[in-house]
């Protein structure tokens, strides 16, 4: 049974820990994240980007797979199925597909339009009991070879969006998606502190959780971050483990070419990464 993220993140913020959003890319990914969450008795958020949704044959396919997997694996911890960086159109597709939470990324619209569209989606989500994440200040990252350093959000704009009644707020604090460049300046805790002071109880979201040092993660949680997104780190771990299997020639012995065998080390590597993050975020045993 999928839940929305409101209660989970309210508890996390009050308890000074964070819930991990782990993006899923296929069946192995989903199974690895769910099994690790169950084993560690941690609440969990499955993130689905538009690209991953398309790759998995659409949001309906993803929702059906997650629903069935939660049931067949006997998952008892709270699970959120969340659209990551959704466009306005994607939000409606996911609402229809049966997601329990959506992120509307209106950060590229002028603030007035971002507010109008966010208000509309808040009303729809309230009616259907879904949680809604909004974003202020673009999160940087590599796009077409150009690395954006990650903007810092305006705390006043954050307050304007938070006051509309969104469930959680992603605010740019110098964080970026993907690998961090050598010259990254680190997170702006000054901005984060100013945002929390204006948004109060609102759970804050940290995108680009891959590669942020553990001490910065802990400090961000102490300043109101209750949801941390991880994607790239699982991808890197998965690929490295599969490469090792193939380079060792294991696919050439016996039935080693069976895709289930080829992908098994990658799946284990995802589990190890998710476990490490859940321990760092403090969500273990909080289900």
Protein backbone atom coordinates (compact mmCIF):
# COMPACT_ATOMS: atom_id res chain seq x y z
CA UNK A 1 0.00 0.00 0.00
CA UNK A 2 1.59 3.25 -1.15
CA UNK A 3 1.39 6.29 1.12
CA UNK A 4 1.94 9.98 0.52
CA UNK A 5 5.02 11.59 2.03
CA UNK A 6 3.42 14.03 4.46
CA UNK A 7 3.38 12.02 7.69
CA UNK A 8 6.72 10.36 6.90
CA UNK A 9 8.53 13.68 6.38
CA UNK A 10 6.82 15.50 9.24
CA UNK A 11 8.08 12.74 11.57
CA UNK A 12 11.54 12.91 10.00
CA UNK A 13 11.85 16.67 10.43
CA UNK A 14 10.67 16.49 14.06
CA UNK A 15 13.02 13.56 14.73
CA UNK A 16 16.04 15.22 13.03
CA UNK A 17 16.58 12.51 10.44
CA UNK A 18 15.91 12.33 6.71
CA UNK A 19 14.14 9.85 4.43
CA UNK A 20 16.01 8.87 1.28
CA UNK A 21 14.47 9.18 -2.15
CA UNK A 22 16.14 6.56 -4.31
CA UNK A 23 15.44 6.89 -8.00
CA UNK A 24 14.43 3.68 -9.75
CA UNK A 25 15.38 2.76 -13.31
CA UNK A 26 14.12 -0.80 -13.75
CA UNK A 27 12.87 -3.89 -11.90
CA UNK A 28 16.25 -4.68 -10.26
CA UNK A 29 16.50 -1.15 -8.92
CA UNK A 30 13.01 -1.18 -7.46
CA UNK A 31 13.43 -4.60 -5.86
CA UNK A 32 16.84 -3.69 -4.36
CA UNK A 33 15.55 -0.46 -2.79
CA UNK A 34 12.35 -2.04 -1.41
CA UNK A 35 14.14 -5.06 0.06
CA UNK A 36 16.76 -2.87 1.76
CA UNK A 37 14.09 -0.57 3.21
CA UNK A 38 12.21 -3.58 4.59
CA UNK A 39 15.35 -5.15 6.01
CA UNK A 40 16.37 -1.91 7.76
CA UNK A 41 12.78 -1.01 8.75
CA UNK A 42 13.18 2.37 7.09
CA UNK A 43 10.52 4.44 5.35
CA UNK A 44 11.45 4.97 1.69
CA UNK A 45 10.62 7.13 -1.32
CA UNK A 46 10.94 5.70 -4.83
CA UNK A 47 11.73 8.51 -7.26
CA UNK A 48 10.82 8.30 -10.94
CA UNK A 49 12.11 10.88 -13.41
CA UNK A 50 10.32 11.53 -16.70
CA UNK A 51 13.17 9.79 -18.56
CA UNK A 52 13.04 6.70 -16.32
CA UNK A 53 9.24 6.63 -16.64
CA UNK A 54 9.52 6.68 -20.42
CA UNK A 55 12.22 3.97 -20.35
CA UNK A 56 9.95 1.72 -18.25
CA UNK A 57 7.05 2.08 -20.76
CA UNK A 58 5.23 4.89 -18.98
CA UNK A 59 4.14 5.89 -15.49
CA UNK A 60 1.24 3.39 -15.45
CA UNK A 61 3.67 0.50 -15.95
CA UNK A 62 5.87 1.81 -13.12
CA UNK A 63 2.94 2.21 -10.71
CA UNK A 64 1.61 -1.27 -11.52
CA UNK A 65 5.07 -2.82 -11.02
CA UNK A 66 5.64 -1.05 -7.69
CA UNK A 67 2.17 -1.94 -6.38
CA UNK A 68 2.61 -5.59 -7.30
CA UNK A 69 6.15 -5.73 -5.94
CA UNK A 70 5.20 -4.21 -2.57
CA UNK A 71 2.53 -6.91 -2.27
CA UNK A 72 4.60 -9.87 -3.52
CA UNK A 73 7.69 -9.00 -1.44
CA UNK A 74 5.52 -8.48 1.66
CA UNK A 75 6.80 -4.95 2.22
CA UNK A 76 5.48 -3.51 5.50
CA UNK A 77 7.41 -0.21 5.68
CA UNK A 78 5.82 2.99 4.31
CA UNK A 79 6.58 3.40 0.58
CA UNK A 80 6.05 6.58 -1.44
CA UNK A 81 6.01 6.49 -5.26
CA UNK A 82 7.12 9.97 -6.28
CA UNK A 83 7.48 11.79 -9.58
CA UNK A 84 10.88 13.51 -9.69
CA UNK A 85 11.19 16.92 -11.40
CA UNK A 86 7.83 16.62 -13.10
CA UNK A 87 6.57 18.98 -15.75
CA UNK A 88 3.02 20.27 -15.39
CA UNK A 89 1.84 17.60 -17.89
CA UNK A 90 3.81 14.78 -16.19
CA UNK A 91 2.18 15.63 -12.85
CA UNK A 92 -1.26 14.92 -14.28
CA UNK A 93 -0.06 11.69 -15.93
CA UNK A 94 1.32 10.44 -12.59
CA UNK A 95 -1.81 11.43 -10.67
CA UNK A 96 -3.80 9.36 -13.15
CA UNK A 97 -1.29 6.46 -13.05
CA UNK A 98 -1.62 6.02 -9.28
CA UNK A 99 1.53 7.67 -7.90
CA UNK A 100 1.22 8.71 -4.25
CA UNK A 101 3.35 11.85 -4.52
CA UNK A 102 4.50 14.28 -7.20
CA UNK A 103 7.10 16.96 -7.64
CA UNK A 104 6.15 19.90 -9.78
CA UNK A 105 9.33 21.57 -10.95
CA UNK A 106 8.10 25.04 -11.83
CA UNK A 107 11.49 26.61 -11.11
CA UNK A 108 11.97 27.65 -14.76
CA UNK A 109 8.67 29.58 -14.86
CA UNK A 110 8.42 33.20 -13.73
CA UNK A 111 7.51 33.11 -10.01
CA UNK A 112 3.88 34.22 -10.66
CA UNK A 113 3.28 31.35 -13.09
CA UNK A 114 5.07 28.88 -10.81
CA UNK A 115 2.69 29.97 -8.01
CA UNK A 116 -0.46 29.70 -10.19
CA UNK A 117 0.37 26.20 -11.43
CA UNK A 118 1.49 25.06 -7.96
CA UNK A 119 -1.82 26.28 -6.43
CA UNK A 120 -3.80 24.33 -8.99
CA UNK A 121 -1.81 21.13 -8.35
CA UNK A 122 -2.11 21.57 -4.55
CA UNK A 123 -5.90 21.51 -4.89
CA UNK A 124 -5.83 18.36 -7.05
CA UNK A 125 -3.38 16.60 -4.71
CA UNK A 126 -5.40 17.53 -1.62
CA UNK A 127 -8.50 16.02 -3.20
CA UNK A 128 -6.67 12.78 -4.06
CA UNK A 129 -4.56 12.60 -0.86
CA UNK A 130 -1.19 12.95 -2.61
CA UNK A 131 1.84 14.88 -1.39
CA UNK A 132 3.36 17.64 -3.51
CA UNK A 133 6.96 18.83 -3.69
CA UNK A 134 7.77 22.22 -5.17
CA UNK A 135 11.10 23.71 -6.19
CA UNK A 136 12.56 27.18 -5.86
CA UNK A 137 15.98 28.07 -7.31
CA UNK A 138 17.21 25.69 -10.00
CA UNK A 139 19.31 22.74 -8.86
CA UNK A 140 22.52 22.72 -10.91
CA UNK A 141 24.10 19.79 -12.67
CA UNK A 142 25.43 18.60 -15.96
CA UNK A 143 23.15 19.14 -18.89
CA UNK A 144 24.48 18.78 -22.43
CA UNK A 145 28.02 18.95 -21.11
CA UNK A 146 27.52 22.25 -19.29
CA UNK A 147 27.88 22.10 -15.53
CA UNK A 148 25.68 24.55 -13.65
CA UNK A 149 27.00 25.33 -10.19
CA UNK A 150 23.60 25.28 -8.53
CA UNK A 151 21.76 28.46 -7.63
CA UNK A 152 20.82 29.51 -4.15
CA UNK A 153 17.09 30.04 -3.74
CA UNK A 154 15.64 33.31 -2.50
CA UNK A 155 14.26 32.63 1.03
CA UNK A 156 11.36 35.05 0.40
CA UNK A 157 10.32 33.15 -2.74
CA UNK A 158 10.59 29.92 -0.73
CA UNK A 159 8.18 31.34 1.83
CA UNK A 160 5.73 32.38 -0.92
CA UNK A 161 5.66 28.81 -2.31
CA UNK A 162 5.63 27.15 1.15
CA UNK A 163 2.67 29.31 2.22
CA UNK A 164 0.59 27.95 -0.66
CA UNK A 165 0.39 24.63 1.20
CA UNK A 166 2.87 22.35 -0.56
CA UNK A 167 3.99 19.29 1.45
CA UNK A 168 7.74 19.76 1.00
CA UNK A 169 10.07 22.23 -0.61
CA UNK A 170 13.23 21.66 -2.66
CA UNK A 171 15.38 24.77 -2.42
CA UNK A 172 18.65 25.28 -4.25
CA UNK A 173 21.50 25.73 -1.75
CA UNK A 174 24.43 25.24 -4.13
CA UNK A 175 23.65 21.53 -4.62
CA UNK A 176 23.80 19.91 -8.05
CA UNK A 177 22.69 16.69 -9.74
CA UNK A 178 25.30 14.13 -10.75
CA UNK A 179 28.96 14.16 -9.79
CA UNK A 180 30.26 17.28 -8.08
CA UNK A 181 33.08 19.11 -9.90
CA UNK A 182 36.49 19.56 -8.24
CA UNK A 183 35.89 23.27 -7.67
CA UNK A 184 32.46 22.87 -6.00
CA UNK A 185 32.05 25.47 -3.25
CA UNK A 186 29.93 23.26 -0.96
CA UNK A 187 26.41 23.76 0.38
CA UNK A 188 25.29 27.21 1.48
CA UNK A 189 24.12 26.56 5.04
CA UNK A 190 23.49 30.27 5.45
CA UNK A 191 20.83 30.05 2.71
CA UNK A 192 19.38 26.84 4.18
CA UNK A 193 19.14 28.41 7.63
CA UNK A 194 17.42 31.53 6.23
CA UNK A 195 14.96 29.34 4.28
CA UNK A 196 14.08 27.23 7.32
CA UNK A 197 13.51 30.33 9.44
CA UNK A 198 10.95 31.56 6.91
CA UNK A 199 9.30 28.21 6.13
CA UNK A 200 9.05 26.88 9.72
CA UNK A 201 7.78 23.30 9.97
CA UNK A 202 7.92 22.65 6.22
CA UNK A 203 10.14 19.61 5.45
CA UNK A 204 12.96 20.68 3.12
CA UNK A 205 14.39 18.54 0.32
CA UNK A 206 18.02 18.19 -0.72
CA UNK A 207 18.49 17.17 -4.35
CA UNK A 208 21.82 15.92 -5.63
CA UNK A 209 22.65 13.79 -2.58
CA UNK A 210 25.42 11.92 -4.40
CA UNK A 211 28.89 12.98 -3.35
CA UNK A 212 27.92 15.46 -0.63
CA UNK A 213 30.26 14.74 2.32
CA UNK A 214 28.65 13.03 5.34
CA UNK A 215 29.26 15.98 7.69
CA UNK A 216 27.44 18.34 5.27
CA UNK A 217 24.53 15.88 5.01
CA UNK A 218 24.25 15.75 8.82
CA UNK A 219 24.38 19.53 9.09
CA UNK A 220 21.70 19.90 6.40
CA UNK A 221 19.44 17.49 8.33
CA UNK A 222 19.98 19.53 11.52
CA UNK A 223 18.79 22.61 9.57
CA UNK A 224 15.47 21.08 8.47
CA UNK A 225 16.23 18.81 5.50
CA UNK A 226 13.94 15.78 5.82
CA UNK A 227 14.23 14.23 2.33
CA UNK A 228 17.46 13.57 0.43
CA UNK A 229 17.54 12.40 -3.17
CA UNK A 230 20.07 9.81 -4.34
CA UNK A 231 20.38 8.55 -7.91
CA UNK A 232 23.85 8.86 -9.47
CA UNK A 233 25.59 7.01 -6.62
CA UNK A 234 23.43 3.91 -7.12
CA UNK A 235 24.05 4.04 -10.88
CA UNK A 236 27.83 4.22 -10.41
CA UNK A 237 27.82 1.34 -7.89
CA UNK A 238 25.59 -0.80 -10.12
CA UNK A 239 27.73 -0.31 -13.22
CA UNK A 240 31.03 -0.91 -11.40
CA UNK A 241 29.76 -4.24 -10.00
CA UNK A 242 28.48 -5.44 -13.39
CA UNK A 243 31.75 -4.39 -15.06
CA UNK A 244 33.74 -6.39 -12.51
CA UNK A 245 31.64 -9.50 -13.20
CA UNK A 246 32.20 -9.22 -16.96
CA UNK A 247 35.88 -8.31 -16.72
CA UNK A 248 36.42 -11.37 -14.52
CA UNK A 249 35.02 -13.45 -17.40
CA UNK A 250 32.19 -14.84 -15.27
CA UNK A 251 29.73 -14.42 -18.13
CA UNK A 252 31.79 -16.92 -20.15
CA UNK A 253 31.62 -19.83 -17.69
CA UNK A 254 28.61 -22.11 -17.35
CA UNK A 255 25.35 -20.18 -17.52
CA UNK A 256 27.11 -16.97 -16.50
CA UNK A 257 25.60 -15.15 -19.48
CA UNK A 258 22.11 -15.41 -17.92
CA UNK A 259 21.04 -11.76 -17.49
CA UNK A 260 19.83 -12.53 -13.97
CA UNK A 261 23.36 -13.60 -13.08
CA UNK A 262 24.98 -10.68 -14.90
CA UNK A 263 22.78 -8.13 -13.10
CA UNK A 264 22.90 -9.78 -9.65
CA UNK A 265 26.19 -8.11 -8.52
CA UNK A 266 24.80 -4.73 -9.61
CA UNK A 267 21.63 -5.30 -7.60
CA UNK A 268 23.69 -6.17 -4.50
CA UNK A 269 25.75 -3.01 -5.04
CA UNK A 270 22.57 -0.90 -5.09
CA UNK A 271 21.47 -2.53 -1.80
CA UNK A 272 24.83 -1.73 -0.20
CA UNK A 273 24.62 1.91 -1.35
CA UNK A 274 21.03 2.30 -0.14
CA UNK A 275 21.93 0.76 3.24
CA UNK A 276 24.86 3.16 3.65
CA UNK A 277 22.63 6.16 2.84
CA UNK A 278 19.79 5.08 5.14
CA UNK A 279 22.30 4.71 8.00
CA UNK A 280 23.78 8.15 7.25
CA UNK A 281 20.34 9.80 6.97
CA UNK A 282 19.22 8.25 10.27
CA UNK A 283 16.06 6.59 8.90
CA UNK A 284 16.92 3.01 9.98
CA UNK A 285 14.28 1.61 12.35
CA UNK A 286 12.02 4.62 11.84
CA UNK A 287 9.28 2.79 9.89
